[in-house]
Amino acid sequence: MNNIYKENLTVEELAGHEVSWFKGEIVLIDNLKTFYEVFPRLMGSDLLGFDTETRPTFKKGKRNTVSLIQLSTEFLACLIRINKIGIPDELAALLSDPRVLKAGVAVHDDIKFLKNVKKFNPEGFVDLQNVVKDFGIQSAGLKKLSAIVLGFRISKRQQVTDWEAEKLSEAQMIYAATDAWVCYQIYRKLRNGTEVKTK
C-alpha cells in the first residue's frame, strides 16, 4: 500500500489548492473532415485521458444521449461532438483497442451510454476510481482526485451547461479538455510517479 496520498480532502483543504487547467492544444471536432485530419494524431499514444459530456436534464430519471467524447494526450485534447458526427468506425475501433489505455472516472456509465449511440466492444478502459484505492485514496470525484494526486484543483463550473449548443464556448472547451487531460495525468502519475507540469 502506498500512503503518500491523502485519503480524502475537506472542502476547506480543497479550496486551499490553486486552480489549474489544460493549456495544450484543443481541437474541436464537429465534422468528419476535421475528424479524419486530426484523429490520426491520437493513434501513436498507448494512454489517453477519457471523458464524456452530456446535456443536462432536470427531469428525474431522464438522461440525454452523450454529446461529446474527450480524448487527451499530454499536449493535445480532441473534443469529438458525437451529437454532430456520431461515432465513426475509427473511433469505435480505438474504444475497442485493448492496447490503448483509456483512463477516466466512472467509465462504466460512460461506456453504457456510448453503446446506445453505436455498438462496440469496450476494451482498454481504466476506471481511476478503482486505481486510486491501491494508493489508499478514498475520494472518487475528479475534482478531489486532481487535488490529492496532482496538487491543483479544477473548476467544474461548466459541467451543467448546454453541450448541444450550436457553438461551444471557450470556457466549455477548456473545461472538457481539462477533465480528460486530468484523467491522463492522474493515471500517469500514479503508475509512473511522473511529475505533472501545469504551466
N, C-alpha and C. Protein backbone atom coordinates (compact mmCIF):
# COMPACT_ATOMS: atom_id res chain seq x y z
N MET A 1 0.85 -1.20 0.00
CA MET A 1 0.00 0.00 0.00
C MET A 1 0.88 1.24 0.00
N ASN A 2 0.56 2.14 -0.87
CA ASN A 2 1.31 3.39 -0.96
C ASN A 2 0.51 4.48 -0.26
N ASN A 3 1.07 5.05 0.81
CA ASN A 3 0.30 6.01 1.61
C ASN A 3 0.82 7.44 1.49
N ILE A 4 1.41 7.79 0.35
CA ILE A 4 1.92 9.15 0.23
C ILE A 4 0.79 10.14 -0.10
N TYR A 5 -0.39 9.61 -0.44
CA TYR A 5 -1.51 10.48 -0.77
C TYR A 5 -2.53 10.51 0.37
N LYS A 6 -3.24 11.64 0.51
CA LYS A 6 -4.31 11.75 1.50
C LYS A 6 -5.48 10.85 1.08
N GLU A 7 -6.19 10.34 2.08
CA GLU A 7 -7.38 9.53 1.78
C GLU A 7 -8.47 10.39 1.16
N ASN A 8 -8.63 11.59 1.70
CA ASN A 8 -9.71 12.46 1.26
C ASN A 8 -9.33 13.90 1.59
N LEU A 9 -10.12 14.84 1.14
CA LEU A 9 -9.90 16.26 1.45
C LEU A 9 -11.19 16.87 1.96
N THR A 10 -11.07 17.77 2.92
CA THR A 10 -12.23 18.56 3.32
C THR A 10 -12.47 19.64 2.28
N VAL A 11 -13.64 20.25 2.36
CA VAL A 11 -13.96 21.36 1.45
C VAL A 11 -12.93 22.48 1.61
N GLU A 12 -12.54 22.73 2.86
CA GLU A 12 -11.56 23.80 3.12
C GLU A 12 -10.19 23.46 2.52
N GLU A 13 -9.78 22.21 2.68
CA GLU A 13 -8.48 21.79 2.11
C GLU A 13 -8.51 21.89 0.59
N LEU A 14 -9.62 21.50 0.00
CA LEU A 14 -9.74 21.58 -1.46
C LEU A 14 -9.65 23.03 -1.93
N ALA A 15 -10.32 23.92 -1.20
CA ALA A 15 -10.33 25.34 -1.57
C ALA A 15 -8.94 25.96 -1.46
N GLY A 16 -8.06 25.35 -0.67
CA GLY A 16 -6.71 25.86 -0.50
C GLY A 16 -5.79 25.57 -1.66
N HIS A 17 -6.22 24.74 -2.61
CA HIS A 17 -5.41 24.43 -3.78
C HIS A 17 -5.67 25.44 -4.90
N GLU A 18 -4.62 25.78 -5.60
CA GLU A 18 -4.79 26.66 -6.77
C GLU A 18 -5.53 25.94 -7.88
N VAL A 19 -6.27 26.72 -8.66
CA VAL A 19 -6.98 26.15 -9.81
C VAL A 19 -6.02 26.07 -11.00
N SER A 20 -6.09 24.95 -11.73
CA SER A 20 -5.32 24.85 -12.97
C SER A 20 -6.20 24.21 -14.04
N TRP A 21 -5.71 24.19 -15.27
CA TRP A 21 -6.49 23.68 -16.38
C TRP A 21 -5.55 23.29 -17.51
N PHE A 22 -6.10 22.65 -18.52
CA PHE A 22 -5.32 22.21 -19.68
C PHE A 22 -4.86 23.41 -20.49
N LYS A 23 -3.58 23.47 -20.77
CA LYS A 23 -3.03 24.61 -21.51
C LYS A 23 -2.41 24.20 -22.85
N GLY A 24 -2.69 22.96 -23.25
CA GLY A 24 -2.17 22.49 -24.53
C GLY A 24 -3.10 22.84 -25.68
N GLU A 25 -3.02 22.07 -26.75
CA GLU A 25 -3.82 22.32 -27.96
C GLU A 25 -5.18 21.63 -27.85
N ILE A 26 -6.23 22.41 -28.03
CA ILE A 26 -7.59 21.86 -28.02
C ILE A 26 -8.13 21.90 -29.44
N VAL A 27 -8.58 20.74 -29.92
CA VAL A 27 -9.17 20.68 -31.26
C VAL A 27 -10.62 20.23 -31.13
N LEU A 28 -11.53 21.07 -31.59
CA LEU A 28 -12.95 20.73 -31.60
C LEU A 28 -13.27 20.03 -32.93
N ILE A 29 -13.81 18.83 -32.81
CA ILE A 29 -14.12 18.03 -34.00
C ILE A 29 -15.63 17.95 -34.14
N ASP A 30 -16.17 18.72 -35.09
CA ASP A 30 -17.62 18.74 -35.26
C ASP A 30 -18.04 18.40 -36.69
N ASN A 31 -17.09 17.92 -37.49
CA ASN A 31 -17.42 17.42 -38.83
C ASN A 31 -16.42 16.32 -39.19
N LEU A 32 -16.78 15.49 -40.15
CA LEU A 32 -15.94 14.32 -40.47
C LEU A 32 -14.62 14.71 -41.10
N LYS A 33 -14.60 15.82 -41.84
CA LYS A 33 -13.33 16.27 -42.44
C LYS A 33 -12.30 16.53 -41.34
N THR A 34 -12.69 17.28 -40.31
CA THR A 34 -11.77 17.56 -39.21
C THR A 34 -11.41 16.26 -38.47
N PHE A 35 -12.39 15.39 -38.31
CA PHE A 35 -12.13 14.11 -37.63
C PHE A 35 -11.00 13.35 -38.32
N TYR A 36 -11.12 13.21 -39.64
CA TYR A 36 -10.12 12.41 -40.36
C TYR A 36 -8.76 13.11 -40.44
N GLU A 37 -8.76 14.42 -40.31
CA GLU A 37 -7.48 15.16 -40.28
C GLU A 37 -6.77 15.01 -38.93
N VAL A 38 -7.54 15.05 -37.86
CA VAL A 38 -6.95 15.14 -36.51
C VAL A 38 -6.82 13.80 -35.81
N PHE A 39 -7.78 12.90 -36.04
CA PHE A 39 -7.82 11.66 -35.29
C PHE A 39 -6.51 10.86 -35.36
N PRO A 40 -5.82 10.80 -36.51
CA PRO A 40 -4.56 10.04 -36.55
C PRO A 40 -3.53 10.53 -35.54
N ARG A 41 -3.63 11.77 -35.09
CA ARG A 41 -2.65 12.29 -34.12
C ARG A 41 -2.78 11.61 -32.75
N LEU A 42 -3.92 10.98 -32.50
CA LEU A 42 -4.09 10.25 -31.24
C LEU A 42 -3.56 8.82 -31.33
N MET A 43 -3.34 8.34 -32.53
CA MET A 43 -3.11 6.92 -32.72
C MET A 43 -1.76 6.40 -32.21
N GLY A 44 -0.79 7.32 -32.00
CA GLY A 44 0.51 6.85 -31.51
C GLY A 44 0.55 6.68 -30.00
N SER A 45 -0.53 7.01 -29.30
CA SER A 45 -0.50 7.00 -27.83
C SER A 45 -0.97 5.66 -27.29
N ASP A 46 -0.28 5.20 -26.23
CA ASP A 46 -0.76 3.98 -25.55
C ASP A 46 -1.58 4.32 -24.32
N LEU A 47 -1.69 5.64 -24.00
CA LEU A 47 -2.53 6.10 -22.90
C LEU A 47 -3.25 7.38 -23.34
N LEU A 48 -4.56 7.41 -23.09
CA LEU A 48 -5.37 8.60 -23.37
C LEU A 48 -6.24 8.89 -22.15
N GLY A 49 -6.38 10.18 -21.83
CA GLY A 49 -7.40 10.57 -20.88
C GLY A 49 -8.74 10.54 -21.57
N PHE A 50 -9.78 10.11 -20.85
CA PHE A 50 -11.09 9.89 -21.48
C PHE A 50 -12.19 10.49 -20.61
N ASP A 51 -13.14 11.15 -21.27
CA ASP A 51 -14.31 11.65 -20.56
C ASP A 51 -15.42 11.89 -21.58
N THR A 52 -16.63 12.09 -21.08
CA THR A 52 -17.74 12.46 -21.95
C THR A 52 -18.53 13.59 -21.30
N GLU A 53 -19.29 14.30 -22.10
CA GLU A 53 -20.21 15.32 -21.60
C GLU A 53 -21.59 15.08 -22.19
N THR A 54 -22.59 15.33 -21.38
CA THR A 54 -23.99 15.14 -21.78
C THR A 54 -24.78 16.37 -21.40
N ARG A 55 -25.66 16.80 -22.30
CA ARG A 55 -26.50 17.95 -21.97
C ARG A 55 -27.35 17.62 -20.75
N PRO A 56 -27.33 18.48 -19.74
CA PRO A 56 -28.05 18.14 -18.51
C PRO A 56 -29.56 18.11 -18.73
N THR A 57 -30.20 17.25 -17.96
CA THR A 57 -31.66 17.23 -17.94
C THR A 57 -32.09 17.45 -16.50
N PHE A 58 -33.18 18.15 -16.34
CA PHE A 58 -33.63 18.46 -14.98
C PHE A 58 -34.91 17.70 -14.64
N LYS A 59 -35.18 16.62 -15.43
CA LYS A 59 -36.31 15.75 -15.14
C LYS A 59 -35.78 14.47 -14.50
N LYS A 60 -36.38 14.10 -13.38
CA LYS A 60 -35.91 12.93 -12.63
C LYS A 60 -36.02 11.67 -13.49
N GLY A 61 -34.94 10.88 -13.48
CA GLY A 61 -34.94 9.61 -14.19
C GLY A 61 -34.67 9.72 -15.69
N LYS A 62 -34.54 10.93 -16.21
CA LYS A 62 -34.28 11.10 -17.65
C LYS A 62 -32.82 11.47 -17.86
N ARG A 63 -32.22 10.93 -18.91
CA ARG A 63 -30.85 11.29 -19.25
C ARG A 63 -30.75 11.47 -20.75
N ASN A 64 -30.12 12.54 -21.17
CA ASN A 64 -29.92 12.78 -22.59
C ASN A 64 -28.81 11.89 -23.13
N THR A 65 -28.74 11.75 -24.46
CA THR A 65 -27.64 10.99 -25.05
C THR A 65 -26.34 11.80 -24.96
N VAL A 66 -25.23 11.10 -25.03
CA VAL A 66 -23.92 11.74 -24.90
C VAL A 66 -23.70 12.72 -26.05
N SER A 67 -23.20 13.90 -25.72
CA SER A 67 -22.96 14.94 -26.72
C SER A 67 -21.51 14.96 -27.20
N LEU A 68 -20.58 14.65 -26.29
CA LEU A 68 -19.16 14.91 -26.55
C LEU A 68 -18.31 13.79 -25.98
N ILE A 69 -17.31 13.36 -26.73
CA ILE A 69 -16.26 12.48 -26.20
C ILE A 69 -14.97 13.28 -26.20
N GLN A 70 -14.27 13.27 -25.06
CA GLN A 70 -12.98 13.93 -24.98
C GLN A 70 -11.88 12.87 -24.84
N LEU A 71 -10.84 13.01 -25.66
CA LEU A 71 -9.66 12.14 -25.58
C LEU A 71 -8.44 13.05 -25.53
N SER A 72 -7.55 12.79 -24.57
CA SER A 72 -6.42 13.71 -24.36
C SER A 72 -5.10 12.97 -24.20
N THR A 73 -4.06 13.54 -24.81
CA THR A 73 -2.69 13.16 -24.50
C THR A 73 -2.14 14.25 -23.58
N GLU A 74 -0.85 14.30 -23.41
CA GLU A 74 -0.29 15.34 -22.54
C GLU A 74 -0.48 16.73 -23.12
N PHE A 75 -0.39 16.84 -24.44
CA PHE A 75 -0.40 18.17 -25.06
C PHE A 75 -1.54 18.41 -26.05
N LEU A 76 -2.37 17.41 -26.31
CA LEU A 76 -3.44 17.53 -27.29
C LEU A 76 -4.73 16.97 -26.71
N ALA A 77 -5.80 17.76 -26.78
CA ALA A 77 -7.13 17.29 -26.37
C ALA A 77 -8.07 17.39 -27.56
N CYS A 78 -8.68 16.27 -27.93
CA CYS A 78 -9.65 16.24 -29.02
C CYS A 78 -11.05 16.16 -28.42
N LEU A 79 -11.88 17.12 -28.79
CA LEU A 79 -13.27 17.16 -28.33
C LEU A 79 -14.15 16.76 -29.51
N ILE A 80 -14.70 15.56 -29.45
CA ILE A 80 -15.42 15.00 -30.59
C ILE A 80 -16.92 15.12 -30.34
N ARG A 81 -17.57 15.96 -31.13
CA ARG A 81 -19.00 16.23 -30.95
C ARG A 81 -19.83 15.13 -31.60
N ILE A 82 -20.04 14.06 -30.85
CA ILE A 82 -20.73 12.90 -31.44
C ILE A 82 -22.22 13.18 -31.68
N ASN A 83 -22.75 14.25 -31.07
CA ASN A 83 -24.12 14.65 -31.42
C ASN A 83 -24.19 15.17 -32.85
N LYS A 84 -23.03 15.54 -33.42
CA LYS A 84 -22.99 16.05 -34.79
C LYS A 84 -22.45 15.00 -35.78
N ILE A 85 -21.46 14.19 -35.36
CA ILE A 85 -20.84 13.26 -36.32
C ILE A 85 -21.03 11.79 -35.96
N GLY A 86 -21.73 11.51 -34.83
CA GLY A 86 -21.86 10.12 -34.42
C GLY A 86 -20.52 9.56 -33.94
N ILE A 87 -20.40 8.26 -33.95
CA ILE A 87 -19.14 7.60 -33.58
C ILE A 87 -18.61 6.90 -34.83
N PRO A 88 -17.66 7.54 -35.53
CA PRO A 88 -17.09 6.90 -36.73
C PRO A 88 -16.43 5.56 -36.39
N ASP A 89 -16.32 4.70 -37.40
CA ASP A 89 -15.74 3.37 -37.18
C ASP A 89 -14.35 3.43 -36.55
N GLU A 90 -13.55 4.41 -36.98
CA GLU A 90 -12.18 4.51 -36.45
C GLU A 90 -12.19 4.83 -34.95
N LEU A 91 -13.14 5.64 -34.52
CA LEU A 91 -13.27 5.95 -33.10
C LEU A 91 -13.75 4.73 -32.33
N ALA A 92 -14.73 4.01 -32.89
CA ALA A 92 -15.21 2.78 -32.25
C ALA A 92 -14.07 1.77 -32.12
N ALA A 93 -13.21 1.70 -33.14
CA ALA A 93 -12.07 0.77 -33.09
C ALA A 93 -11.10 1.16 -31.97
N LEU A 94 -10.87 2.46 -31.78
CA LEU A 94 -9.99 2.91 -30.70
C LEU A 94 -10.59 2.57 -29.34
N LEU A 95 -11.89 2.75 -29.20
CA LEU A 95 -12.57 2.45 -27.93
C LEU A 95 -12.60 0.94 -27.65
N SER A 96 -12.32 0.15 -28.69
CA SER A 96 -12.31 -1.31 -28.56
C SER A 96 -10.90 -1.89 -28.53
N ASP A 97 -9.88 -1.03 -28.56
CA ASP A 97 -8.49 -1.48 -28.66
C ASP A 97 -7.88 -1.68 -27.27
N PRO A 98 -7.57 -2.93 -26.89
CA PRO A 98 -7.01 -3.17 -25.56
C PRO A 98 -5.59 -2.65 -25.39
N ARG A 99 -4.92 -2.33 -26.50
CA ARG A 99 -3.53 -1.85 -26.42
C ARG A 99 -3.45 -0.38 -26.06
N VAL A 100 -4.58 0.34 -26.19
CA VAL A 100 -4.61 1.76 -25.86
C VAL A 100 -5.43 1.92 -24.58
N LEU A 101 -4.77 2.33 -23.50
CA LEU A 101 -5.48 2.53 -22.24
C LEU A 101 -6.25 3.84 -22.30
N LYS A 102 -7.52 3.80 -21.89
CA LYS A 102 -8.36 4.99 -21.81
C LYS A 102 -8.71 5.19 -20.34
N ALA A 103 -8.09 6.18 -19.70
CA ALA A 103 -8.27 6.40 -18.26
C ALA A 103 -9.34 7.46 -18.01
N GLY A 104 -10.31 7.13 -17.17
CA GLY A 104 -11.37 8.07 -16.86
C GLY A 104 -11.96 7.78 -15.48
N VAL A 105 -13.00 8.50 -15.14
CA VAL A 105 -13.69 8.32 -13.86
C VAL A 105 -15.11 7.85 -14.14
N ALA A 106 -15.53 6.79 -13.45
CA ALA A 106 -16.87 6.20 -13.65
C ALA A 106 -17.09 5.85 -15.12
N VAL A 107 -16.10 5.19 -15.71
CA VAL A 107 -16.16 4.91 -17.16
C VAL A 107 -17.28 3.93 -17.51
N HIS A 108 -17.70 3.11 -16.57
CA HIS A 108 -18.75 2.13 -16.86
C HIS A 108 -20.02 2.83 -17.35
N ASP A 109 -20.38 3.92 -16.68
CA ASP A 109 -21.58 4.67 -17.08
C ASP A 109 -21.39 5.30 -18.46
N ASP A 110 -20.20 5.89 -18.68
CA ASP A 110 -19.93 6.50 -19.99
C ASP A 110 -20.06 5.47 -21.11
N ILE A 111 -19.46 4.30 -20.89
CA ILE A 111 -19.48 3.25 -21.92
C ILE A 111 -20.91 2.81 -22.21
N LYS A 112 -21.68 2.64 -21.15
CA LYS A 112 -23.07 2.19 -21.31
C LYS A 112 -23.85 3.15 -22.21
N PHE A 113 -23.68 4.45 -21.96
CA PHE A 113 -24.43 5.43 -22.75
C PHE A 113 -23.87 5.58 -24.16
N LEU A 114 -22.55 5.40 -24.32
CA LEU A 114 -21.97 5.46 -25.66
C LEU A 114 -22.46 4.30 -26.53
N LYS A 115 -22.66 3.15 -25.90
CA LYS A 115 -23.13 1.99 -26.66
C LYS A 115 -24.56 2.17 -27.16
N ASN A 116 -25.27 3.15 -26.58
CA ASN A 116 -26.59 3.49 -27.12
C ASN A 116 -26.47 4.27 -28.42
N VAL A 117 -25.32 4.90 -28.62
CA VAL A 117 -25.08 5.65 -29.85
C VAL A 117 -24.58 4.71 -30.95
N LYS A 118 -23.63 3.82 -30.57
CA LYS A 118 -23.09 2.86 -31.53
C LYS A 118 -22.58 1.64 -30.76
N LYS A 119 -22.91 0.47 -31.23
CA LYS A 119 -22.45 -0.74 -30.57
C LYS A 119 -20.94 -0.92 -30.80
N PHE A 120 -20.20 -1.19 -29.74
CA PHE A 120 -18.78 -1.51 -29.84
C PHE A 120 -18.41 -2.37 -28.64
N ASN A 121 -17.26 -3.01 -28.72
CA ASN A 121 -16.82 -3.89 -27.64
C ASN A 121 -15.73 -3.16 -26.84
N PRO A 122 -16.07 -2.55 -25.71
CA PRO A 122 -15.11 -1.72 -24.99
C PRO A 122 -13.94 -2.52 -24.43
N GLU A 123 -12.75 -2.07 -24.73
CA GLU A 123 -11.53 -2.70 -24.20
C GLU A 123 -10.53 -1.61 -23.85
N GLY A 124 -9.69 -1.88 -22.85
CA GLY A 124 -8.61 -0.95 -22.51
C GLY A 124 -9.03 0.21 -21.63
N PHE A 125 -10.24 0.16 -21.08
CA PHE A 125 -10.69 1.25 -20.21
C PHE A 125 -10.20 1.03 -18.78
N VAL A 126 -9.74 2.11 -18.15
CA VAL A 126 -9.26 2.07 -16.77
C VAL A 126 -10.08 3.07 -15.97
N ASP A 127 -10.74 2.57 -14.91
CA ASP A 127 -11.51 3.48 -14.05
C ASP A 127 -10.63 3.94 -12.90
N LEU A 128 -10.34 5.22 -12.88
CA LEU A 128 -9.46 5.78 -11.84
C LEU A 128 -10.02 5.57 -10.44
N GLN A 129 -11.34 5.45 -10.32
CA GLN A 129 -11.93 5.22 -9.01
C GLN A 129 -11.45 3.89 -8.41
N ASN A 130 -11.13 2.94 -9.29
CA ASN A 130 -10.57 1.66 -8.81
C ASN A 130 -9.07 1.77 -8.58
N VAL A 131 -8.37 2.45 -9.47
CA VAL A 131 -6.90 2.57 -9.38
C VAL A 131 -6.48 3.25 -8.09
N VAL A 132 -7.19 4.34 -7.72
CA VAL A 132 -6.74 5.14 -6.56
C VAL A 132 -6.87 4.37 -5.25
N LYS A 133 -7.74 3.37 -5.21
CA LYS A 133 -7.88 2.58 -3.98
C LYS A 133 -6.58 1.89 -3.61
N ASP A 134 -5.79 1.51 -4.62
CA ASP A 134 -4.49 0.86 -4.37
C ASP A 134 -3.51 1.81 -3.68
N PHE A 135 -3.82 3.10 -3.71
CA PHE A 135 -2.94 4.11 -3.11
C PHE A 135 -3.54 4.69 -1.83
N GLY A 136 -4.59 4.02 -1.33
CA GLY A 136 -5.19 4.45 -0.07
C GLY A 136 -6.08 5.66 -0.19
N ILE A 137 -6.44 6.05 -1.43
CA ILE A 137 -7.28 7.23 -1.63
C ILE A 137 -8.74 6.80 -1.62
N GLN A 138 -9.53 7.42 -0.75
CA GLN A 138 -10.94 7.06 -0.62
C GLN A 138 -11.84 7.91 -1.52
N SER A 139 -11.40 9.13 -1.81
CA SER A 139 -12.21 10.02 -2.62
C SER A 139 -12.34 9.49 -4.05
N ALA A 140 -13.51 9.74 -4.67
CA ALA A 140 -13.73 9.19 -6.01
C ALA A 140 -13.98 10.27 -7.07
N GLY A 141 -14.34 11.48 -6.65
CA GLY A 141 -14.64 12.52 -7.63
C GLY A 141 -13.40 13.11 -8.26
N LEU A 142 -13.51 13.52 -9.52
CA LEU A 142 -12.34 14.00 -10.25
C LEU A 142 -11.76 15.27 -9.64
N LYS A 143 -12.62 16.15 -9.12
CA LYS A 143 -12.14 17.41 -8.54
C LYS A 143 -11.20 17.14 -7.36
N LYS A 144 -11.61 16.24 -6.47
CA LYS A 144 -10.76 15.93 -5.31
C LYS A 144 -9.55 15.09 -5.72
N LEU A 145 -9.74 14.16 -6.65
CA LEU A 145 -8.59 13.34 -7.09
C LEU A 145 -7.50 14.21 -7.70
N SER A 146 -7.91 15.22 -8.46
CA SER A 146 -6.95 16.14 -9.06
C SER A 146 -6.12 16.82 -7.97
N ALA A 147 -6.79 17.29 -6.91
CA ALA A 147 -6.08 17.98 -5.83
C ALA A 147 -5.19 17.02 -5.06
N ILE A 148 -5.69 15.81 -4.76
CA ILE A 148 -4.94 14.85 -3.97
C ILE A 148 -3.69 14.37 -4.71
N VAL A 149 -3.86 14.02 -5.99
CA VAL A 149 -2.77 13.39 -6.75
C VAL A 149 -1.88 14.42 -7.45
N LEU A 150 -2.50 15.45 -8.02
CA LEU A 150 -1.75 16.39 -8.86
C LEU A 150 -1.41 17.69 -8.16
N GLY A 151 -2.10 17.97 -7.04
CA GLY A 151 -1.76 19.16 -6.27
C GLY A 151 -2.45 20.43 -6.72
N PHE A 152 -3.43 20.33 -7.62
CA PHE A 152 -4.21 21.50 -8.01
C PHE A 152 -5.67 21.07 -8.16
N ARG A 153 -6.57 22.05 -8.11
CA ARG A 153 -7.98 21.71 -8.30
C ARG A 153 -8.45 22.22 -9.67
N ILE A 154 -9.53 21.64 -10.11
CA ILE A 154 -10.10 22.03 -11.40
C ILE A 154 -11.48 22.62 -11.17
N SER A 155 -11.88 23.51 -12.06
CA SER A 155 -13.21 24.12 -11.97
C SER A 155 -14.23 23.19 -12.60
N LYS A 156 -15.38 23.05 -11.95
CA LYS A 156 -16.48 22.25 -12.52
C LYS A 156 -17.65 23.15 -12.93
N ARG A 157 -17.36 24.43 -13.09
CA ARG A 157 -18.42 25.42 -13.33
C ARG A 157 -19.21 25.16 -14.61
N GLN A 158 -18.55 24.59 -15.62
CA GLN A 158 -19.21 24.40 -16.92
C GLN A 158 -19.96 23.08 -17.03
N GLN A 159 -19.94 22.28 -15.97
CA GLN A 159 -20.46 20.91 -16.05
C GLN A 159 -21.91 20.83 -16.54
N VAL A 160 -22.75 21.71 -16.02
CA VAL A 160 -24.18 21.62 -16.35
C VAL A 160 -24.60 22.65 -17.41
N THR A 161 -23.68 22.99 -18.31
CA THR A 161 -24.02 23.89 -19.41
C THR A 161 -24.55 23.06 -20.59
N ASP A 162 -24.99 23.72 -21.63
CA ASP A 162 -25.60 23.05 -22.79
C ASP A 162 -24.53 22.51 -23.73
N TRP A 163 -24.30 21.20 -23.68
CA TRP A 163 -23.28 20.57 -24.52
C TRP A 163 -23.77 20.32 -25.95
N GLU A 164 -25.03 20.65 -26.21
CA GLU A 164 -25.55 20.52 -27.57
C GLU A 164 -25.74 21.89 -28.22
N ALA A 165 -25.23 22.92 -27.58
CA ALA A 165 -25.32 24.27 -28.16
C ALA A 165 -24.70 24.27 -29.55
N GLU A 166 -25.21 25.12 -30.42
CA GLU A 166 -24.68 25.19 -31.79
C GLU A 166 -23.18 25.45 -31.76
N LYS A 167 -22.74 26.33 -30.86
CA LYS A 167 -21.32 26.66 -30.74
C LYS A 167 -20.92 26.51 -29.27
N LEU A 168 -19.92 25.71 -29.01
CA LEU A 168 -19.42 25.58 -27.64
C LEU A 168 -18.55 26.78 -27.30
N SER A 169 -18.68 27.28 -26.08
CA SER A 169 -17.89 28.43 -25.66
C SER A 169 -16.45 28.01 -25.37
N GLU A 170 -15.56 28.98 -25.33
CA GLU A 170 -14.17 28.69 -24.99
C GLU A 170 -14.09 28.07 -23.59
N ALA A 171 -14.90 28.57 -22.66
CA ALA A 171 -14.90 28.04 -21.29
C ALA A 171 -15.34 26.57 -21.28
N GLN A 172 -16.33 26.23 -22.09
CA GLN A 172 -16.77 24.83 -22.19
C GLN A 172 -15.65 23.96 -22.74
N MET A 173 -14.97 24.45 -23.77
CA MET A 173 -13.91 23.64 -24.39
C MET A 173 -12.74 23.42 -23.43
N ILE A 174 -12.36 24.45 -22.70
CA ILE A 174 -11.27 24.31 -21.73
C ILE A 174 -11.67 23.33 -20.63
N TYR A 175 -12.91 23.46 -20.16
CA TYR A 175 -13.41 22.55 -19.13
C TYR A 175 -13.36 21.10 -19.61
N ALA A 176 -13.90 20.86 -20.80
CA ALA A 176 -13.98 19.50 -21.34
C ALA A 176 -12.58 18.92 -21.57
N ALA A 177 -11.69 19.72 -22.12
CA ALA A 177 -10.31 19.27 -22.35
C ALA A 177 -9.63 18.96 -21.01
N THR A 178 -9.84 19.81 -20.03
CA THR A 178 -9.19 19.65 -18.72
C THR A 178 -9.63 18.35 -18.06
N ASP A 179 -10.90 18.02 -18.12
CA ASP A 179 -11.38 16.79 -17.49
C ASP A 179 -10.66 15.56 -18.04
N ALA A 180 -10.53 15.48 -19.36
CA ALA A 180 -9.85 14.32 -19.96
C ALA A 180 -8.36 14.35 -19.67
N TRP A 181 -7.74 15.52 -19.76
CA TRP A 181 -6.30 15.66 -19.52
C TRP A 181 -5.93 15.30 -18.08
N VAL A 182 -6.77 15.72 -17.13
CA VAL A 182 -6.52 15.41 -15.72
C VAL A 182 -6.56 13.89 -15.50
N CYS A 183 -7.49 13.20 -16.16
CA CYS A 183 -7.53 11.73 -16.06
C CYS A 183 -6.23 11.12 -16.58
N TYR A 184 -5.75 11.63 -17.69
CA TYR A 184 -4.46 11.17 -18.25
C TYR A 184 -3.35 11.37 -17.23
N GLN A 185 -3.28 12.56 -16.66
CA GLN A 185 -2.19 12.90 -15.75
C GLN A 185 -2.26 12.13 -14.43
N ILE A 186 -3.46 11.93 -13.91
CA ILE A 186 -3.60 11.16 -12.66
C ILE A 186 -3.11 9.73 -12.87
N TYR A 187 -3.57 9.10 -13.95
CA TYR A 187 -3.14 7.72 -14.19
C TYR A 187 -1.63 7.63 -14.38
N ARG A 188 -1.11 8.55 -15.18
CA ARG A 188 0.33 8.52 -15.46
C ARG A 188 1.14 8.72 -14.19
N LYS A 189 0.72 9.65 -13.34
CA LYS A 189 1.48 9.91 -12.12
C LYS A 189 1.40 8.74 -11.15
N LEU A 190 0.21 8.16 -10.99
CA LEU A 190 0.07 7.03 -10.07
C LEU A 190 0.87 5.82 -10.55
N ARG A 191 0.88 5.58 -11.84
CA ARG A 191 1.56 4.39 -12.36
C ARG A 191 3.06 4.60 -12.56
N ASN A 192 3.46 5.82 -12.90
CA ASN A 192 4.88 6.06 -13.23
C ASN A 192 5.59 6.98 -12.26
N GLY A 193 4.82 7.62 -11.37
CA GLY A 193 5.43 8.59 -10.47
C GLY A 193 5.90 9.84 -11.21
N THR A 194 5.32 10.10 -12.40
CA THR A 194 5.77 11.24 -13.20
C THR A 194 5.18 12.54 -12.69
N GLU A 195 6.04 13.53 -12.51
CA GLU A 195 5.55 14.84 -12.09
C GLU A 195 4.81 15.51 -13.23
N VAL A 196 3.83 16.31 -12.90
CA VAL A 196 2.97 16.95 -13.89
C VAL A 196 3.29 18.44 -13.98
N LYS A 197 3.50 18.91 -15.21
CA LYS A 197 3.71 20.34 -15.43
C LYS A 197 2.36 20.99 -15.72
N THR A 198 2.02 22.05 -14.99
CA THR A 198 0.74 22.71 -15.22
C THR A 198 0.93 24.10 -15.84
N LYS A 199 2.15 24.52 -16.00
CA LYS A 199 2.39 25.85 -16.56
C LYS A 199 2.79 25.72 -18.03
